Amino acid sequence: MTDRFDVHAIRHRLKLKRDAGHTSLFENRDSVVCPACEEPFAEVLITEQQEHSFQPTGSMRFCVVREDDRTLLFTHES
């Protein structure tokens, strides 16, 4: 992937659920596709931290995209 995932360009299609400055969580409200698998995702966690721990709910798969200054974790409902 060479293009950066531009949250601001699709912000109207997402719902911000949490923002801690260095980490944000968005819910996909409009079938935006994941840049890793090109399927719609449920949520995206975007973090600038080197480490991050999360507790997924239920049974889900996820995709990870690493950019120069941040990591994006896309969850997909099974």
N, C-alpha and C. Protein backbone atom coordinates (compact mmCIF):
# COMPACT_ATOMS: atom_id res chain seq x y z
N MET A 1 0.84 -1.18 0.00
CA MET A 1 0.00 0.00 0.00
C MET A 1 0.88 1.24 0.00
N THR A 2 0.69 2.12 -0.94
CA THR A 2 1.49 3.33 -1.00
C THR A 2 0.71 4.54 -0.53
N ASP A 3 -0.61 4.52 -0.65
CA ASP A 3 -1.43 5.65 -0.22
C ASP A 3 -1.70 5.58 1.28
N ARG A 4 -1.75 6.74 1.88
CA ARG A 4 -2.08 6.85 3.29
C ARG A 4 -3.60 6.76 3.45
N PHE A 5 -4.07 6.08 4.49
CA PHE A 5 -5.50 5.99 4.78
C PHE A 5 -5.93 7.36 5.32
N ASP A 6 -6.70 8.10 4.55
CA ASP A 6 -7.07 9.48 4.88
C ASP A 6 -8.40 9.52 5.61
N VAL A 7 -8.33 9.52 6.92
CA VAL A 7 -9.54 9.56 7.76
C VAL A 7 -10.33 10.83 7.51
N HIS A 8 -9.65 11.94 7.33
CA HIS A 8 -10.34 13.22 7.16
C HIS A 8 -11.16 13.27 5.87
N ALA A 9 -10.72 12.59 4.83
CA ALA A 9 -11.46 12.57 3.57
C ALA A 9 -12.76 11.78 3.67
N ILE A 10 -12.79 10.79 4.58
CA ILE A 10 -13.99 9.96 4.72
C ILE A 10 -14.66 10.14 6.08
N ARG A 11 -14.29 11.18 6.80
CA ARG A 11 -14.78 11.41 8.16
C ARG A 11 -16.31 11.39 8.23
N HIS A 12 -16.98 11.90 7.23
CA HIS A 12 -18.45 11.94 7.21
C HIS A 12 -19.06 10.54 7.11
N ARG A 13 -18.25 9.54 6.79
CA ARG A 13 -18.73 8.15 6.66
C ARG A 13 -18.41 7.31 7.89
N LEU A 14 -17.73 7.92 8.87
CA LEU A 14 -17.32 7.23 10.09
C LEU A 14 -17.90 7.92 11.31
N LYS A 15 -18.01 7.19 12.40
CA LYS A 15 -18.44 7.77 13.67
C LYS A 15 -17.28 7.63 14.66
N LEU A 16 -16.84 8.74 15.21
CA LEU A 16 -15.79 8.71 16.21
C LEU A 16 -16.35 8.13 17.51
N LYS A 17 -15.74 7.06 17.99
CA LYS A 17 -16.19 6.43 19.23
C LYS A 17 -15.31 6.81 20.41
N ARG A 18 -14.00 6.98 20.15
CA ARG A 18 -13.05 7.36 21.20
C ARG A 18 -11.89 8.12 20.59
N ASP A 19 -11.39 9.11 21.33
CA ASP A 19 -10.20 9.85 20.89
C ASP A 19 -9.36 10.18 22.11
N ALA A 20 -8.15 9.62 22.15
CA ALA A 20 -7.23 9.87 23.27
C ALA A 20 -6.03 10.67 22.79
N GLY A 21 -6.15 11.37 21.69
CA GLY A 21 -5.05 12.16 21.14
C GLY A 21 -4.14 11.33 20.27
N HIS A 22 -3.47 10.36 20.84
CA HIS A 22 -2.55 9.50 20.10
C HIS A 22 -3.22 8.24 19.58
N THR A 23 -4.46 7.99 20.02
CA THR A 23 -5.20 6.80 19.59
C THR A 23 -6.67 7.18 19.38
N SER A 24 -7.23 6.76 18.24
CA SER A 24 -8.64 7.03 17.93
C SER A 24 -9.32 5.75 17.47
N LEU A 25 -10.61 5.66 17.77
CA LEU A 25 -11.42 4.52 17.34
C LEU A 25 -12.63 5.05 16.58
N PHE A 26 -12.81 4.54 15.36
CA PHE A 26 -13.92 4.96 14.52
C PHE A 26 -14.78 3.76 14.15
N GLU A 27 -16.09 3.97 14.10
CA GLU A 27 -17.03 2.98 13.61
C GLU A 27 -17.34 3.30 12.15
N ASN A 28 -17.38 2.28 11.32
CA ASN A 28 -17.69 2.43 9.90
C ASN A 28 -19.20 2.49 9.74
N ARG A 29 -19.71 3.61 9.27
CA ARG A 29 -21.16 3.80 9.11
C ARG A 29 -21.63 3.70 7.67
N ASP A 30 -20.67 3.54 6.72
CA ASP A 30 -21.07 3.63 5.32
C ASP A 30 -20.29 2.69 4.42
N SER A 31 -19.98 1.49 4.90
CA SER A 31 -19.32 0.45 4.09
C SER A 31 -18.00 0.89 3.45
N VAL A 32 -17.22 1.70 4.17
CA VAL A 32 -15.88 2.05 3.70
C VAL A 32 -15.06 0.76 3.69
N VAL A 33 -14.23 0.57 2.67
CA VAL A 33 -13.47 -0.67 2.57
C VAL A 33 -12.10 -0.55 3.25
N CYS A 34 -11.66 -1.66 3.75
CA CYS A 34 -10.36 -1.81 4.39
C CYS A 34 -9.28 -1.74 3.31
N PRO A 35 -8.21 -0.98 3.52
CA PRO A 35 -7.15 -0.93 2.51
C PRO A 35 -6.35 -2.22 2.39
N ALA A 36 -6.40 -3.09 3.40
CA ALA A 36 -5.64 -4.34 3.36
C ALA A 36 -6.36 -5.44 2.56
N CYS A 37 -7.67 -5.59 2.79
CA CYS A 37 -8.41 -6.68 2.14
C CYS A 37 -9.49 -6.20 1.18
N GLU A 38 -9.73 -4.90 1.16
CA GLU A 38 -10.72 -4.29 0.27
C GLU A 38 -12.15 -4.75 0.52
N GLU A 39 -12.43 -5.13 1.78
CA GLU A 39 -13.80 -5.45 2.20
C GLU A 39 -14.20 -4.43 3.26
N PRO A 40 -15.50 -4.14 3.40
CA PRO A 40 -15.93 -3.20 4.43
C PRO A 40 -15.49 -3.67 5.82
N PHE A 41 -15.06 -2.73 6.65
CA PHE A 41 -14.64 -3.04 8.01
C PHE A 41 -15.69 -2.55 9.00
N ALA A 42 -15.65 -3.06 10.21
CA ALA A 42 -16.59 -2.64 11.27
C ALA A 42 -16.06 -1.41 12.00
N GLU A 43 -14.80 -1.49 12.46
CA GLU A 43 -14.17 -0.40 13.19
C GLU A 43 -12.71 -0.31 12.76
N VAL A 44 -12.14 0.88 12.98
CA VAL A 44 -10.71 1.06 12.77
C VAL A 44 -10.13 1.76 13.99
N LEU A 45 -9.07 1.17 14.53
CA LEU A 45 -8.31 1.74 15.62
C LEU A 45 -7.04 2.32 14.99
N ILE A 46 -6.80 3.60 15.20
CA ILE A 46 -5.63 4.27 14.65
C ILE A 46 -4.78 4.75 15.82
N THR A 47 -3.53 4.32 15.86
CA THR A 47 -2.67 4.70 16.98
C THR A 47 -1.29 5.12 16.49
N GLU A 48 -0.73 6.11 17.16
CA GLU A 48 0.63 6.56 16.91
C GLU A 48 1.60 5.92 17.90
N GLN A 49 1.07 5.19 18.86
CA GLN A 49 1.90 4.54 19.87
C GLN A 49 2.62 3.33 19.27
N GLN A 50 3.78 3.01 19.82
CA GLN A 50 4.51 1.83 19.38
C GLN A 50 3.81 0.55 19.83
N GLU A 51 3.20 0.57 21.02
CA GLU A 51 2.49 -0.59 21.55
C GLU A 51 1.06 -0.18 21.87
N HIS A 52 0.16 -1.12 21.70
CA HIS A 52 -1.23 -0.88 22.06
C HIS A 52 -1.90 -2.22 22.33
N SER A 53 -2.66 -2.28 23.40
CA SER A 53 -3.38 -3.50 23.75
C SER A 53 -4.87 -3.24 23.60
N PHE A 54 -5.58 -4.20 23.09
CA PHE A 54 -7.03 -4.05 22.94
C PHE A 54 -7.69 -5.39 23.20
N GLN A 55 -8.96 -5.34 23.54
CA GLN A 55 -9.74 -6.54 23.80
C GLN A 55 -10.85 -6.62 22.76
N PRO A 56 -10.68 -7.44 21.73
CA PRO A 56 -11.75 -7.56 20.74
C PRO A 56 -12.98 -8.23 21.35
N THR A 57 -14.12 -7.88 20.81
CA THR A 57 -15.36 -8.47 21.29
C THR A 57 -15.81 -9.57 20.34
N GLY A 58 -16.30 -10.65 20.89
CA GLY A 58 -16.82 -11.74 20.08
C GLY A 58 -15.78 -12.37 19.18
N SER A 59 -16.26 -12.94 18.11
CA SER A 59 -15.39 -13.59 17.14
C SER A 59 -15.25 -12.68 15.93
N MET A 60 -14.04 -12.22 15.70
CA MET A 60 -13.84 -11.32 14.56
C MET A 60 -12.45 -11.54 13.97
N ARG A 61 -12.31 -11.12 12.74
CA ARG A 61 -10.99 -11.13 12.13
C ARG A 61 -10.55 -9.67 12.02
N PHE A 62 -9.27 -9.46 11.84
CA PHE A 62 -8.78 -8.10 11.71
C PHE A 62 -7.63 -8.02 10.73
N CYS A 63 -7.41 -6.81 10.22
CA CYS A 63 -6.32 -6.50 9.30
C CYS A 63 -5.49 -5.39 9.94
N VAL A 64 -4.19 -5.43 9.70
CA VAL A 64 -3.28 -4.42 10.23
C VAL A 64 -2.58 -3.73 9.07
N VAL A 65 -2.55 -2.40 9.12
CA VAL A 65 -1.84 -1.60 8.13
C VAL A 65 -0.84 -0.73 8.89
N ARG A 66 0.42 -0.80 8.51
CA ARG A 66 1.46 0.00 9.15
C ARG A 66 1.89 1.11 8.21
N GLU A 67 1.75 2.35 8.68
CA GLU A 67 2.23 3.51 7.95
C GLU A 67 3.47 4.02 8.66
N ASP A 68 4.14 5.01 8.12
CA ASP A 68 5.38 5.51 8.71
C ASP A 68 5.22 5.92 10.18
N ASP A 69 4.14 6.61 10.50
CA ASP A 69 4.00 7.19 11.83
C ASP A 69 2.82 6.65 12.64
N ARG A 70 2.13 5.64 12.12
CA ARG A 70 0.98 5.11 12.85
C ARG A 70 0.64 3.70 12.39
N THR A 71 -0.15 3.03 13.21
CA THR A 71 -0.65 1.69 12.90
C THR A 71 -2.16 1.75 12.88
N LEU A 72 -2.77 1.06 11.92
CA LEU A 72 -4.22 1.01 11.80
C LEU A 72 -4.67 -0.45 11.93
N LEU A 73 -5.62 -0.68 12.79
CA LEU A 73 -6.17 -2.02 13.00
C LEU A 73 -7.64 -1.98 12.59
N PHE A 74 -7.98 -2.73 11.55
CA PHE A 74 -9.34 -2.80 11.03
C PHE A 74 -9.99 -4.08 11.50
N THR A 75 -11.14 -3.97 12.15
CA THR A 75 -11.86 -5.18 12.59
C THR A 75 -12.96 -5.49 11.58
N HIS A 76 -13.21 -6.79 11.42
CA HIS A 76 -14.25 -7.27 10.51
C HIS A 76 -15.12 -8.25 11.29
N GLU A 77 -16.41 -8.06 11.22
CA GLU A 77 -17.33 -8.98 11.91
C GLU A 77 -17.37 -10.29 11.15
N SER A 78 -17.35 -11.37 11.87
CA SER A 78 -17.38 -12.71 11.24
C SER A 78 -18.79 -13.16 10.95
